[in-house]
PDB file of N, CA and C in Angstrom:
ATOM      1  N   MET A   1     -16.114  35.658  41.661  1.00  0.00           N
ATOM      2  CA  MET A   1     -16.969  34.716  41.010  1.00  0.00           C
ATOM      3  C   MET A   1     -16.851  33.374  41.722  1.00  0.00           C
ATOM      4  N   THR A   2     -17.947  32.741  42.024  1.00  0.00           N
ATOM      5  CA  THR A   2     -17.897  31.445  42.698  1.00  0.00           C
ATOM      6  C   THR A   2     -17.557  30.352  41.701  1.00  0.00           C
ATOM      7  N   ARG A   3     -17.151  29.219  42.208  1.00  0.00           N
ATOM      8  CA  ARG A   3     -16.818  28.089  41.334  1.00  0.00           C
ATOM      9  C   ARG A   3     -18.021  27.682  40.486  1.00  0.00           C
ATOM     10  N   LYS A   4     -19.191  27.675  41.076  1.00  0.00           N
ATOM     11  CA  LYS A   4     -20.395  27.293  40.349  1.00  0.00           C
ATOM     12  C   LYS A   4     -20.664  28.261  39.194  1.00  0.00           C
ATOM     13  N   SER A   5     -20.571  29.553  39.441  1.00  0.00           N
ATOM     14  CA  SER A   5     -20.844  30.508  38.374  1.00  0.00           C
ATOM     15  C   SER A   5     -19.755  30.467  37.308  1.00  0.00           C
ATOM     16  N   LEU A   6     -18.514  30.172  37.672  1.00  0.00           N
ATOM     17  CA  LEU A   6     -17.448  30.045  36.698  1.00  0.00           C
ATOM     18  C   LEU A   6     -17.704  28.853  35.785  1.00  0.00           C
ATOM     19  N   ALA A   7     -18.172  27.752  36.338  1.00  0.00           N
ATOM     20  CA  ALA A   7     -18.470  26.575  35.526  1.00  0.00           C
ATOM     21  C   ALA A   7     -19.560  26.898  34.515  1.00  0.00           C
ATOM     22  N   GLY A   8     -20.563  27.632  34.912  1.00  0.00           N
ATOM     23  CA  GLY A   8     -21.620  28.026  33.991  1.00  0.00           C
ATOM     24  C   GLY A   8     -21.090  28.922  32.896  1.00  0.00           C
ATOM     25  N   PHE A   9     -20.187  29.806  33.246  1.00  0.00           N
ATOM     26  CA  PHE A   9     -19.570  30.703  32.278  1.00  0.00           C
ATOM     27  C   PHE A   9     -18.757  29.900  31.270  1.00  0.00           C
ATOM     28  N   ALA A  10     -17.986  28.915  31.755  1.00  0.00           N
ATOM     29  CA  ALA A  10     -17.137  28.112  30.877  1.00  0.00           C
ATOM     30  C   ALA A  10     -17.961  27.368  29.838  1.00  0.00           C
ATOM     31  N   ARG A  11     -19.133  26.889  30.193  1.00  0.00           N
ATOM     32  CA  ARG A  11     -19.969  26.178  29.239  1.00  0.00           C
ATOM     33  C   ARG A  11     -20.426  27.082  28.099  1.00  0.00           C
ATOM     34  N   LYS A  12     -20.432  28.368  28.307  1.00  0.00           N
ATOM     35  CA  LYS A  12     -20.872  29.300  27.277  1.00  0.00           C
ATOM     36  C   LYS A  12     -19.758  29.675  26.308  1.00  0.00           C
ATOM     37  N   LEU A  13     -18.515  29.321  26.614  1.00  0.00           N
ATOM     38  CA  LEU A  13     -17.384  29.669  25.758  1.00  0.00           C
ATOM     39  C   LEU A  13     -17.227  28.623  24.657  1.00  0.00           C
ATOM     40  N   THR A  14     -18.160  28.584  23.740  1.00  0.00           N
ATOM     41  CA  THR A  14     -18.159  27.513  22.767  1.00  0.00           C
ATOM     42  C   THR A  14     -18.148  27.992  21.326  1.00  0.00           C
ATOM     43  N   THR A  15     -17.879  29.242  21.087  1.00  0.00           N
ATOM     44  CA  THR A  15     -17.803  29.748  19.727  1.00  0.00           C
ATOM     45  C   THR A  15     -16.484  30.473  19.496  1.00  0.00           C
ATOM     46  N   ILE A  16     -16.067  30.502  18.248  1.00  0.00           N
ATOM     47  CA  ILE A  16     -14.900  31.270  17.838  1.00  0.00           C
ATOM     48  C   ILE A  16     -15.435  32.411  16.991  1.00  0.00           C
ATOM     49  N   ARG A  17     -15.199  33.631  17.452  1.00  0.00           N
ATOM     50  CA  ARG A  17     -15.747  34.805  16.779  1.00  0.00           C
ATOM     51  C   ARG A  17     -14.629  35.727  16.346  1.00  0.00           C
ATOM     52  N   THR A  18     -14.888  36.493  15.304  1.00  0.00           N
ATOM     53  CA  THR A  18     -13.931  37.483  14.836  1.00  0.00           C
ATOM     54  C   THR A  18     -14.542  38.872  14.974  1.00  0.00           C
ATOM     55  N   ILE A  19     -13.685  39.845  15.201  1.00  0.00           N
ATOM     56  CA  ILE A  19     -14.105  41.245  15.222  1.00  0.00           C
ATOM     57  C   ILE A  19     -13.311  41.947  14.137  1.00  0.00           C
ATOM     58  N   ARG A  20     -14.004  42.446  13.149  1.00  0.00           N
ATOM     59  CA  ARG A  20     -13.361  43.088  12.005  1.00  0.00           C
ATOM     60  C   ARG A  20     -13.355  44.602  12.182  1.00  0.00           C
ATOM     61  N   HIS A  21     -12.669  45.268  11.274  1.00  0.00           N
ATOM     62  CA  HIS A  21     -12.634  46.733  11.290  1.00  0.00           C
ATOM     63  C   HIS A  21     -14.049  47.283  11.352  1.00  0.00           C
ATOM     64  N   GLY A  22     -14.236  48.312  12.121  1.00  0.00           N
ATOM     65  CA  GLY A  22     -15.562  48.892  12.279  1.00  0.00           C
ATOM     66  C   GLY A  22     -16.376  48.215  13.366  1.00  0.00           C
ATOM     67  N   GLY A  23     -15.779  47.221  14.046  1.00  0.00           N
ATOM     68  CA  GLY A  23     -16.464  46.573  15.158  1.00  0.00           C
ATOM     69  C   GLY A  23     -17.457  45.501  14.764  1.00  0.00           C
ATOM     70  N   VAL A  24     -17.438  45.012  13.516  1.00  0.00           N
ATOM     71  CA  VAL A  24     -18.364  43.975  13.076  1.00  0.00           C
ATOM     72  C   VAL A  24     -17.935  42.635  13.666  1.00  0.00           C
ATOM     73  N   VAL A  25     -18.826  41.994  14.439  1.00  0.00           N
ATOM     74  CA  VAL A  25     -18.553  40.710  15.081  1.00  0.00           C
ATOM     75  C   VAL A  25     -19.229  39.605  14.272  1.00  0.00           C
ATOM     76  N   THR A  26     -18.466  38.563  13.940  1.00  0.00           N
ATOM     77  CA  THR A  26     -18.981  37.437  13.164  1.00  0.00           C
ATOM     78  C   THR A  26     -18.571  36.140  13.840  1.00  0.00           C
ATOM     79  N   THR A  27     -19.491  35.177  13.922  1.00  0.00           N
ATOM     80  CA  THR A  27     -19.160  33.853  14.429  1.00  0.00           C
ATOM     81  C   THR A  27     -18.518  33.064  13.298  1.00  0.00           C
ATOM     82  N   LEU A  28     -17.245  32.660  13.487  1.00  0.00           N
ATOM     83  CA  LEU A  28     -16.522  31.886  12.496  1.00  0.00           C
ATOM     84  C   LEU A  28     -16.926  30.418  12.580  1.00  0.00           C
ATOM     85  N   ALA A  29     -17.016  29.899  13.809  1.00  0.00           N
ATOM     86  CA  ALA A  29     -17.361  28.488  13.979  1.00  0.00           C
ATOM     87  C   ALA A  29     -17.826  28.231  15.400  1.00  0.00           C
ATOM     88  N   GLY A  30     -18.591  27.169  15.554  1.00  0.00           N
ATOM     89  CA  GLY A  30     -18.971  26.671  16.863  1.00  0.00           C
ATOM     90  C   GLY A  30     -20.309  27.144  17.345  1.00  0.00           C
ATOM     91  N   SER A  31     -20.816  26.448  18.295  1.00  0.00           N
ATOM     92  CA  SER A  31     -22.000  26.824  19.041  1.00  0.00           C
ATOM     93  C   SER A  31     -22.122  25.889  20.213  1.00  0.00           C
ATOM     94  N   GLY A  32     -21.122  25.184  20.675  1.00  0.00           N
ATOM     95  CA  GLY A  32     -21.167  24.356  21.845  1.00  0.00           C
ATOM     96  C   GLY A  32     -20.239  23.229  21.965  1.00  0.00           C
ATOM     97  N   ALA A  33     -18.557  19.885  21.447  1.00  0.00           N
ATOM     98  CA  ALA A  33     -17.253  19.604  20.853  1.00  0.00           C
ATOM     99  C   ALA A  33     -17.468  18.582  19.776  1.00  0.00           C
ATOM    100  N   ALA A  34     -17.663  19.033  18.538  1.00  0.00           N
ATOM    101  CA  ALA A  34     -17.678  18.134  17.405  1.00  0.00           C
ATOM    102  C   ALA A  34     -17.101  18.869  16.204  1.00  0.00           C
ATOM    103  N   ASP A  35     -16.430  18.123  15.315  1.00  0.00           N
ATOM    104  CA  ASP A  35     -15.957  18.719  14.087  1.00  0.00           C
ATOM    105  C   ASP A  35     -17.160  19.036  13.211  1.00  0.00           C
ATOM    106  N   GLY A  36     -16.986  19.952  12.292  1.00  0.00           N
ATOM    107  CA  GLY A  36     -18.080  20.304  11.400  1.00  0.00           C
ATOM    108  C   GLY A  36     -17.806  21.617  10.716  1.00  0.00           C
ATOM    109  N   GLU A  37     -18.846  22.181  10.159  1.00  0.00           N
ATOM    110  CA  GLU A  37     -18.723  23.439   9.433  1.00  0.00           C
ATOM    111  C   GLU A  37     -19.576  24.508  10.090  1.00  0.00           C
ATOM    112  N   GLY A  38     -18.976  25.700  10.262  1.00  0.00           N
ATOM    113  CA  GLY A  38     -19.717  26.828  10.823  1.00  0.00           C
ATOM    114  C   GLY A  38     -20.340  26.522  12.162  1.00  0.00           C
ATOM    115  N   SER A  39     -21.622  26.820  12.281  1.00  0.00           N
ATOM    116  CA  SER A  39     -22.297  26.637  13.572  1.00  0.00           C
ATOM    117  C   SER A  39     -22.568  25.172  13.899  1.00  0.00           C
ATOM    118  N   ASP A  40     -22.314  24.238  12.959  1.00  0.00           N
ATOM    119  CA  ASP A  40     -22.448  22.811  13.263  1.00  0.00           C
ATOM    120  C   ASP A  40     -21.291  22.296  14.107  1.00  0.00           C
ATOM    121  N   ALA A  41     -20.154  23.010  14.077  1.00  0.00           N
ATOM    122  CA  ALA A  41     -18.995  22.616  14.872  1.00  0.00           C
ATOM    123  C   ALA A  41     -19.270  22.896  16.346  1.00  0.00           C
ATOM    124  N   ARG A  42     -18.663  22.121  17.210  1.00  0.00           N
ATOM    125  CA  ARG A  42     -18.816  22.299  18.645  1.00  0.00           C
ATOM    126  C   ARG A  42     -17.436  22.345  19.280  1.00  0.00           C
ATOM    127  N   PHE A  43     -17.299  23.199  20.292  1.00  0.00           N
ATOM    128  CA  PHE A  43     -16.051  23.301  21.038  1.00  0.00           C
ATOM    129  C   PHE A  43     -16.316  22.923  22.484  1.00  0.00           C
ATOM    130  N   ASN A  44     -15.297  22.402  23.143  1.00  0.00           N
ATOM    131  CA  ASN A  44     -15.412  21.973  24.522  1.00  0.00           C
ATOM    132  C   ASN A  44     -15.083  23.111  25.486  1.00  0.00           C
ATOM    133  N   PHE A  45     -13.848  23.601  25.424  1.00  0.00           N
ATOM    134  CA  PHE A  45     -13.395  24.664  26.326  1.00  0.00           C
ATOM    135  C   PHE A  45     -12.253  25.428  25.676  1.00  0.00           C
ATOM    136  N   PRO A  46     -12.559  26.253  24.657  1.00  0.00           N
ATOM    137  CA  PRO A  46     -11.490  26.985  23.981  1.00  0.00           C
ATOM    138  C   PRO A  46     -10.824  27.983  24.914  1.00  0.00           C
ATOM    139  N   THR A  47      -9.484  27.935  24.946  1.00  0.00           N
ATOM    140  CA  THR A  47      -8.744  28.813  25.851  1.00  0.00           C
ATOM    141  C   THR A  47      -7.796  29.757  25.132  1.00  0.00           C
ATOM    142  N   ALA A  48      -7.421  29.438  23.889  1.00  0.00           N
ATOM    143  CA  ALA A  48      -6.478  30.285  23.165  1.00  0.00           C
ATOM    144  C   ALA A  48      -6.619  30.039  21.674  1.00  0.00           C
ATOM    145  N   VAL A  49      -6.274  31.048  20.884  1.00  0.00           N
ATOM    146  CA  VAL A  49      -6.293  30.918  19.427  1.00  0.00           C
ATOM    147  C   VAL A  49      -5.018  31.501  18.830  1.00  0.00           C
ATOM    148  N   ALA A  50      -4.666  31.018  17.642  1.00  0.00           N
ATOM    149  CA  ALA A  50      -3.563  31.560  16.852  1.00  0.00           C
ATOM    150  C   ALA A  50      -3.978  31.478  15.394  1.00  0.00           C
ATOM    151  N   VAL A  51      -3.440  32.365  14.589  1.00  0.00           N
ATOM    152  CA  VAL A  51      -3.773  32.406  13.170  1.00  0.00           C
ATOM    153  C   VAL A  51      -2.496  32.224  12.354  1.00  0.00           C
ATOM    154  N   ASP A  52      -2.558  31.350  11.329  1.00  0.00           N
ATOM    155  CA  ASP A  52      -1.378  31.158  10.481  1.00  0.00           C
ATOM    156  C   ASP A  52      -1.376  32.178   9.343  1.00  0.00           C
ATOM    157  N   GLY A  53      -0.364  32.113   8.496  1.00  0.00           N
ATOM    158  CA  GLY A  53      -0.193  33.084   7.425  1.00  0.00           C
ATOM    159  C   GLY A  53      -1.265  33.048   6.353  1.00  0.00           C
ATOM    160  N   THR A  54      -2.046  31.970   6.287  1.00  0.00           N
ATOM    161  CA  THR A  54      -3.107  31.876   5.280  1.00  0.00           C
ATOM    162  C   THR A  54      -4.492  32.135   5.863  1.00  0.00           C
ATOM    163  N   GLY A  55      -4.549  32.435   7.150  1.00  0.00           N
ATOM    164  CA  GLY A  55      -5.832  32.768   7.774  1.00  0.00           C
ATOM    165  C   GLY A  55      -6.522  31.643   8.509  1.00  0.00           C
ATOM    166  N   ASN A  56      -5.930  30.433   8.552  1.00  0.00           N
ATOM    167  CA  ASN A  56      -6.508  29.355   9.353  1.00  0.00           C
ATOM    168  C   ASN A  56      -6.341  29.689  10.828  1.00  0.00           C
ATOM    169  N   VAL A  57      -7.320  29.330  11.624  1.00  0.00           N
ATOM    170  CA  VAL A  57      -7.295  29.595  13.055  1.00  0.00           C
ATOM    171  C   VAL A  57      -7.067  28.274  13.788  1.00  0.00           C
ATOM    172  N   TYR A  58      -6.151  28.276  14.748  1.00  0.00           N
ATOM    173  CA  TYR A  58      -5.868  27.099  15.571  1.00  0.00           C
ATOM    174  C   TYR A  58      -6.357  27.393  16.979  1.00  0.00           C
ATOM    175  N   VAL A  59      -7.113  26.458  17.542  1.00  0.00           N
ATOM    176  CA  VAL A  59      -7.762  26.674  18.827  1.00  0.00           C
ATOM    177  C   VAL A  59      -7.280  25.637  19.831  1.00  0.00           C
ATOM    178  N   ALA A  60      -6.746  26.098  20.967  1.00  0.00           N
ATOM    179  CA  ALA A  60      -6.472  25.212  22.093  1.00  0.00           C
ATOM    180  C   ALA A  60      -7.823  24.993  22.768  1.00  0.00           C
ATOM    181  N   ASP A  61      -8.348  23.779  22.660  1.00  0.00           N
ATOM    182  CA  ASP A  61      -9.720  23.484  23.080  1.00  0.00           C
ATOM    183  C   ASP A  61      -9.726  22.392  24.145  1.00  0.00           C
ATOM    184  N   GLY A  62      -9.353  22.755  25.351  1.00  0.00           N
ATOM    185  CA  GLY A  62      -9.362  21.783  26.444  1.00  0.00           C
ATOM    186  C   GLY A  62      -8.295  20.727  26.285  1.00  0.00           C
ATOM    187  N   LEU A  63      -8.695  19.538  25.825  1.00  0.00           N
ATOM    188  CA  LEU A  63      -7.774  18.408  25.690  1.00  0.00           C
ATOM    189  C   LEU A  63      -7.357  18.149  24.252  1.00  0.00           C
ATOM    190  N   ASN A  64      -7.692  19.060  23.340  1.00  0.00           N
ATOM    191  CA  ASN A  64      -7.294  18.872  21.951  1.00  0.00           C
ATOM    192  C   ASN A  64      -7.012  20.211  21.285  1.00  0.00           C
ATOM    193  N   VAL A  65      -6.438  20.137  20.085  1.00  0.00           N
ATOM    194  CA  VAL A  65      -6.219  21.343  19.285  1.00  0.00           C
ATOM    195  C   VAL A  65      -7.038  21.196  18.016  1.00  0.00           C
ATOM    196  N   ARG A  66      -7.717  22.270  17.645  1.00  0.00           N
ATOM    197  CA  ARG A  66      -8.624  22.258  16.511  1.00  0.00           C
ATOM    198  C   ARG A  66      -8.156  23.261  15.472  1.00  0.00           C
ATOM    199  N   LYS A  67      -8.414  22.962  14.219  1.00  0.00           N
ATOM    200  CA  LYS A  67      -8.103  23.869  13.113  1.00  0.00           C
ATOM    201  C   LYS A  67      -9.421  24.349  12.519  1.00  0.00           C
ATOM    202  N   VAL A  68      -9.548  25.657  12.349  1.00  0.00           N
ATOM    203  CA  VAL A  68     -10.709  26.251  11.701  1.00  0.00           C
ATOM    204  C   VAL A  68     -10.212  26.889  10.415  1.00  0.00           C
ATOM    205  N   THR A  69     -10.655  26.362   9.269  1.00  0.00           N
ATOM    206  CA  THR A  69     -10.205  26.906   7.988  1.00  0.00           C
ATOM    207  C   THR A  69     -10.853  28.266   7.746  1.00  0.00           C
ATOM    208  N   THR A  70     -10.395  28.930   6.713  1.00  0.00           N
ATOM    209  CA  THR A  70     -10.909  30.259   6.401  1.00  0.00           C
ATOM    210  C   THR A  70     -12.382  30.247   6.004  1.00  0.00           C
ATOM    211  N   VAL A  71     -12.918  29.080   5.665  1.00  0.00           N
ATOM    212  CA  VAL A  71     -14.341  28.983   5.340  1.00  0.00           C
ATOM    213  C   VAL A  71     -15.146  28.377   6.492  1.00  0.00           C
ATOM    214  N   GLY A  72     -14.498  28.224   7.668  1.00  0.00           N
ATOM    215  CA  GLY A  72     -15.214  27.798   8.865  1.00  0.00           C
ATOM    216  C   GLY A  72     -15.318  26.308   9.087  1.00  0.00           C
ATOM    217  N   ILE A  73     -14.552  25.479   8.366  1.00  0.00           N
ATOM    218  CA  ILE A  73     -14.574  24.030   8.595  1.00  0.00           C
ATOM    219  C   ILE A  73     -13.639  23.705   9.751  1.00  0.00           C
ATOM    220  N   VAL A  74     -14.172  23.007  10.757  1.00  0.00           N
ATOM    221  CA  VAL A  74     -13.428  22.699  11.976  1.00  0.00           C
ATOM    222  C   VAL A  74     -13.051  21.222  11.989  1.00  0.00           C
ATOM    223  N   THR A  75     -11.754  20.938  12.233  1.00  0.00           N
ATOM    224  CA  THR A  75     -11.286  19.565  12.390  1.00  0.00           C
ATOM    225  C   THR A  75     -10.369  19.494  13.604  1.00  0.00           C
ATOM    226  N   THR A  76     -10.384  18.358  14.262  1.00  0.00           N
ATOM    227  CA  THR A  76      -9.471  18.102  15.375  1.00  0.00           C
ATOM    228  C   THR A  76      -8.178  17.577  14.783  1.00  0.00           C
ATOM    229  N   ILE A  77      -7.052  18.232  15.095  1.00  0.00           N
ATOM    230  CA  ILE A  77      -5.774  17.803  14.520  1.00  0.00           C
ATOM    231  C   ILE A  77      -4.833  17.196  15.551  1.00  0.00           C
ATOM    232  N   GLY A  78      -5.195  17.247  16.826  1.00  0.00           N
ATOM    233  CA  GLY A  78      -4.377  16.626  17.861  1.00  0.00           C
ATOM    234  C   GLY A  78      -5.150  16.468  19.152  1.00  0.00           C
ATOM    235  N   GLY A  79      -4.982  15.316  19.787  1.00  0.00           N
ATOM    236  CA  GLY A  79      -5.673  15.060  21.045  1.00  0.00           C
ATOM    237  C   GLY A  79      -7.088  14.570  20.829  1.00  0.00           C
ATOM    238  N   SER A  80      -7.798  14.414  21.946  1.00  0.00           N
ATOM    239  CA  SER A  80      -9.172  13.938  21.914  1.00  0.00           C
ATOM    240  C   SER A  80      -9.942  14.610  23.034  1.00  0.00           C
ATOM    241  N   ALA A  81     -11.137  15.064  22.737  1.00  0.00           N
ATOM    242  CA  ALA A  81     -11.924  15.849  23.690  1.00  0.00           C
ATOM    243  C   ALA A  81     -12.174  15.128  25.008  1.00  0.00           C
ATOM    244  N   ARG A  82     -12.220  13.828  25.013  1.00  0.00           N
ATOM    245  CA  ARG A  82     -12.553  13.086  26.238  1.00  0.00           C
ATOM    246  C   ARG A  82     -11.420  12.205  26.756  1.00  0.00           C
ATOM    247  N   GLN A  83     -10.203  12.409  26.237  1.00  0.00           N
ATOM    248  CA  GLN A  83      -9.072  11.562  26.613  1.00  0.00           C
ATOM    249  C   GLN A  83      -7.963  12.390  27.244  1.00  0.00           C
ATOM    250  N   HIS A  84      -8.023  12.546  28.540  1.00  0.00           N
ATOM    251  CA  HIS A  84      -7.025  13.273  29.323  1.00  0.00           C
ATOM    252  C   HIS A  84      -5.765  12.430  29.416  1.00  0.00           C
ATOM    253  N   GLY A  85      -4.596  13.062  29.395  1.00  0.00           N
ATOM    254  CA  GLY A  85      -3.372  12.289  29.564  1.00  0.00           C
ATOM    255  C   GLY A  85      -2.128  13.075  29.236  1.00  0.00           C
ATOM    256  N   ASP A  86      -1.044  12.339  28.994  1.00  0.00           N
ATOM    257  CA  ASP A  86       0.252  12.911  28.701  1.00  0.00           C
ATOM    258  C   ASP A  86       0.980  11.940  27.786  1.00  0.00           C
ATOM    259  N   ALA A  87       0.716  12.021  26.476  1.00  0.00           N
ATOM    260  CA  ALA A  87       1.326  11.078  25.547  1.00  0.00           C
ATOM    261  C   ALA A  87       1.632  11.753  24.223  1.00  0.00           C
ATOM    262  N   ASP A  88       2.829  11.464  23.697  1.00  0.00           N
ATOM    263  CA  ASP A  88       3.166  11.885  22.346  1.00  0.00           C
ATOM    264  C   ASP A  88       2.412  10.979  21.382  1.00  0.00           C
ATOM    265  N   GLY A  89       2.182  11.467  20.176  1.00  0.00           N
ATOM    266  CA  GLY A  89       1.516  10.650  19.168  1.00  0.00           C
ATOM    267  C   GLY A  89       1.009  11.499  18.030  1.00  0.00           C
ATOM    268  N   ASN A  90       0.549  10.843  16.989  1.00  0.00           N
ATOM    269  CA  ASN A  90      -0.011  11.529  15.828  1.00  0.00           C
ATOM    270  C   ASN A  90      -1.507  11.727  16.012  1.00  0.00           C
ATOM    271  N   GLY A  91      -1.973  12.920  15.678  1.00  0.00           N
ATOM    272  CA  GLY A  91      -3.405  13.200  15.681  1.00  0.00           C
ATOM    273  C   GLY A  91      -4.097  12.840  16.971  1.00  0.00           C
ATOM    274  N   SER A  92      -5.105  11.991  16.873  1.00  0.00           N
ATOM    275  CA  SER A  92      -5.919  11.641  18.039  1.00  0.00           C
ATOM    276  C   SER A  92      -5.194  10.752  19.040  1.00  0.00           C
ATOM    277  N   GLN A  93      -4.003  10.267  18.707  1.00  0.00           N
ATOM    278  CA  GLN A  93      -3.232   9.449  19.651  1.00  0.00           C
ATOM    279  C   GLN A  93      -2.521  10.303  20.699  1.00  0.00           C
ATOM    280  N   ALA A  94      -2.317  11.581  20.419  1.00  0.00           N
ATOM    281  CA  ALA A  94      -1.676  12.485  21.386  1.00  0.00           C
ATOM    282  C   ALA A  94      -2.639  12.744  22.536  1.00  0.00           C
ATOM    283  N   ARG A  95      -2.106  12.981  23.728  1.00  0.00           N
ATOM    284  CA  ARG A  95      -2.927  13.277  24.901  1.00  0.00           C
ATOM    285  C   ARG A  95      -2.373  14.507  25.602  1.00  0.00           C
ATOM    286  N   PHE A  96      -3.289  15.343  26.063  1.00  0.00           N
ATOM    287  CA  PHE A  96      -2.937  16.570  26.759  1.00  0.00           C
ATOM    288  C   PHE A  96      -3.667  16.624  28.091  1.00  0.00           C
ATOM    289  N   GLY A  97      -3.124  17.419  29.015  1.00  0.00           N
ATOM    290  CA  GLY A  97      -3.743  17.565  30.335  1.00  0.00           C
ATOM    291  C   GLY A  97      -4.687  18.742  30.419  1.00  0.00           C
ATOM    292  N   GLY A  98      -4.520  19.706  29.561  1.00  0.00           N
ATOM    293  CA  GLY A  98      -5.363  20.900  29.558  1.00  0.00           C
ATOM    294  C   GLY A  98      -4.634  22.031  28.858  1.00  0.00           C
ATOM    295  N   LEU A  99      -4.962  22.237  27.610  1.00  0.00           N
ATOM    296  CA  LEU A  99      -4.241  23.226  26.811  1.00  0.00           C
ATOM    297  C   LEU A  99      -4.602  24.645  27.221  1.00  0.00           C
ATOM    298  N   ALA A 100      -3.564  25.461  27.361  1.00  0.00           N
ATOM    299  CA  ALA A 100      -3.759  26.845  27.810  1.00  0.00           C
ATOM    300  C   ALA A 100      -3.294  27.859  26.786  1.00  0.00           C
ATOM    301  N   GLY A 101      -2.547  27.436  25.762  1.00  0.00           N
ATOM    302  CA  GLY A 101      -2.051  28.373  24.779  1.00  0.00           C
ATOM    303  C   GLY A 101      -1.693  27.677  23.489  1.00  0.00           C
ATOM    304  N   VAL A 102      -1.697  28.451  22.396  1.00  0.00           N
ATOM    305  CA  VAL A 102      -1.331  27.920  21.085  1.00  0.00           C
ATOM    306  C   VAL A 102      -0.667  29.034  20.283  1.00  0.00           C
ATOM    307  N   ALA A 103       0.339  28.644  19.480  1.00  0.00           N
ATOM    308  CA  ALA A 103       1.008  29.578  18.581  1.00  0.00           C
ATOM    309  C   ALA A 103       1.371  28.818  17.314  1.00  0.00           C
ATOM    310  N   VAL A 104       1.482  29.540  16.195  1.00  0.00           N
ATOM    311  CA  VAL A 104       1.860  28.947  14.913  1.00  0.00           C
ATOM    312  C   VAL A 104       2.983  29.786  14.332  1.00  0.00           C
ATOM    313  N   ASP A 105       4.056  29.115  13.841  1.00  0.00           N
ATOM    314  CA  ASP A 105       5.143  29.876  13.229  1.00  0.00           C
ATOM    315  C   ASP A 105       5.016  29.861  11.704  1.00  0.00           C
ATOM    316  N   GLY A 106       5.903  30.544  11.020  1.00  0.00           N
ATOM    317  CA  GLY A 106       5.853  30.665   9.572  1.00  0.00           C
ATOM    318  C   GLY A 106       6.119  29.375   8.816  1.00  0.00           C
ATOM    319  N   MET A 107       6.646  28.364   9.485  1.00  0.00           N
ATOM    320  CA  MET A 107       6.921  27.065   8.864  1.00  0.00           C
ATOM    321  C   MET A 107       5.746  26.101   9.015  1.00  0.00           C
ATOM    322  N   GLY A 108       4.692  26.519   9.717  1.00  0.00           N
ATOM    323  CA  GLY A 108       3.531  25.646   9.920  1.00  0.00           C
ATOM    324  C   GLY A 108       3.611  24.796  11.171  1.00  0.00           C
ATOM    325  N   ASN A 109       4.598  25.052  12.026  1.00  0.00           N
ATOM    326  CA  ASN A 109       4.682  24.334  13.303  1.00  0.00           C
ATOM    327  C   ASN A 109       3.699  24.944  14.289  1.00  0.00           C
ATOM    328  N   ILE A 110       3.052  24.095  15.049  1.00  0.00           N
ATOM    329  CA  ILE A 110       2.100  24.530  16.068  1.00  0.00           C
ATOM    330  C   ILE A 110       2.738  24.269  17.430  1.00  0.00           C
ATOM    331  N   TYR A 111       2.671  25.253  18.314  1.00  0.00           N
ATOM    332  CA  TYR A 111       3.211  25.124  19.662  1.00  0.00           C
ATOM    333  C   TYR A 111       2.051  25.209  20.643  1.00  0.00           C
ATOM    334  N   LEU A 112       1.952  24.231  21.528  1.00  0.00           N
ATOM    335  CA  LEU A 112       0.855  24.160  22.488  1.00  0.00           C
ATOM    336  C   LEU A 112       1.392  24.186  23.909  1.00  0.00           C
ATOM    337  N   ALA A 113       0.801  24.996  24.745  1.00  0.00           N
ATOM    338  CA  ALA A 113       1.156  25.016  26.162  1.00  0.00           C
ATOM    339  C   ALA A 113       0.165  24.132  26.902  1.00  0.00           C
ATOM    340  N   ASP A 114       0.685  23.067  27.500  1.00  0.00           N
ATOM    341  CA  ASP A 114      -0.132  22.115  28.259  1.00  0.00           C
ATOM    342  C   ASP A 114       0.083  22.414  29.739  1.00  0.00           C
ATOM    343  N   ARG A 115      -0.772  23.248  30.281  1.00  0.00           N
ATOM    344  CA  ARG A 115      -0.571  23.811  31.617  1.00  0.00           C
ATOM    345  C   ARG A 115      -0.430  22.775  32.730  1.00  0.00           C
ATOM    346  N   PRO A 116      -1.349  21.839  32.909  1.00  0.00           N
ATOM    347  CA  PRO A 116      -1.204  20.906  34.039  1.00  0.00           C
ATOM    348  C   PRO A 116       0.054  20.048  33.954  1.00  0.00           C
ATOM    349  N   LYS A 117       0.547  19.803  32.746  1.00  0.00           N
ATOM    350  CA  LYS A 117       1.718  18.947  32.564  1.00  0.00           C
ATOM    351  C   LYS A 117       3.013  19.757  32.498  1.00  0.00           C
ATOM    352  N   ASN A 118       2.906  21.108  32.500  1.00  0.00           N
ATOM    353  CA  ASN A 118       4.077  21.972  32.401  1.00  0.00           C
ATOM    354  C   ASN A 118       4.938  21.608  31.203  1.00  0.00           C
ATOM    355  N   ARG A 119       4.286  21.425  30.040  1.00  0.00           N
ATOM    356  CA  ARG A 119       4.988  21.022  28.834  1.00  0.00           C
ATOM    357  C   ARG A 119       4.594  21.914  27.667  1.00  0.00           C
ATOM    358  N   ILE A 120       5.503  22.017  26.705  1.00  0.00           N
ATOM    359  CA  ILE A 120       5.205  22.651  25.433  1.00  0.00           C
ATOM    360  C   ILE A 120       5.229  21.537  24.381  1.00  0.00           C
ATOM    361  N   ALA A 121       4.137  21.382  23.674  1.00  0.00           N
ATOM    362  CA  ALA A 121       4.040  20.377  22.611  1.00  0.00           C
ATOM    363  C   ALA A 121       4.238  21.071  21.279  1.00  0.00           C
ATOM    364  N   ILE A 122       4.876  20.367  20.333  1.00  0.00           N
ATOM    365  CA  ILE A 122       5.122  20.922  19.002  1.00  0.00           C
ATOM    366  C   ILE A 122       4.546  19.952  17.977  1.00  0.00           C
ATOM    367  N   GLY A 123       3.806  20.492  17.031  1.00  0.00           N
ATOM    368  CA  GLY A 123       3.244  19.682  15.945  1.00  0.00           C
ATOM    369  C   GLY A 123       3.358  20.442  14.642  1.00  0.00           C
ATOM    370  N   VAL A 124       2.928  19.816  13.568  1.00  0.00           N
ATOM    371  CA  VAL A 124       2.959  20.440  12.261  1.00  0.00           C
ATOM    372  C   VAL A 124       1.529  20.575  11.747  1.00  0.00           C
ATOM    373  N   ALA A 125       1.188  21.760  11.276  1.00  0.00           N
ATOM    374  CA  ALA A 125      -0.150  22.005  10.741  1.00  0.00           C
ATOM    375  C   ALA A 125      -0.344  21.211   9.458  1.00  0.00           C
ATOM    376  N   ARG A 126      -1.565  20.725   9.269  1.00  0.00           N
ATOM    377  CA  ARG A 126      -1.891  20.011   8.022  1.00  0.00           C
ATOM    378  C   ARG A 126      -2.772  20.873   7.174  1.00  0.00           C
TER     379      ARG A 126
END
C-alpha cells in the first residue's frame, strides 16, 4: 500500500462498531473528531479500544483518549485532538504523541501506550 492510499484509508477509520453474536454489526459511535452522541460523535484516528466491566468503551484516538458509554455518548477524557506533545495533566491538559494502545483494569485505571514517546500513561476512568 502506498503512503497516499494509506492516508486515505486512515481517514475512513472514524467509527467504533461492535459485532455481536450471529455476526450482527452495529455502529456504536462516530462517523468522522468531536464529542457527541451516536453518529454525531467524530473520531480522529482510532487505533485501539478497551472495554471496562460495565461496558464503557475506551478509545485511543490519535492524540487523545475517548470514552464511549453504553448508550453511545462520546467524551474526551484525556488529551486534545489537535495538541501534540508530552505532558502530564488532568483531562485536556495532558498531551500525547500518538496513542497506539489502551487497556482498563478492574479498578477503573486506564493504561495508554504512547508510541512515539515510548511511554505508558496511567489515568483513572470517570
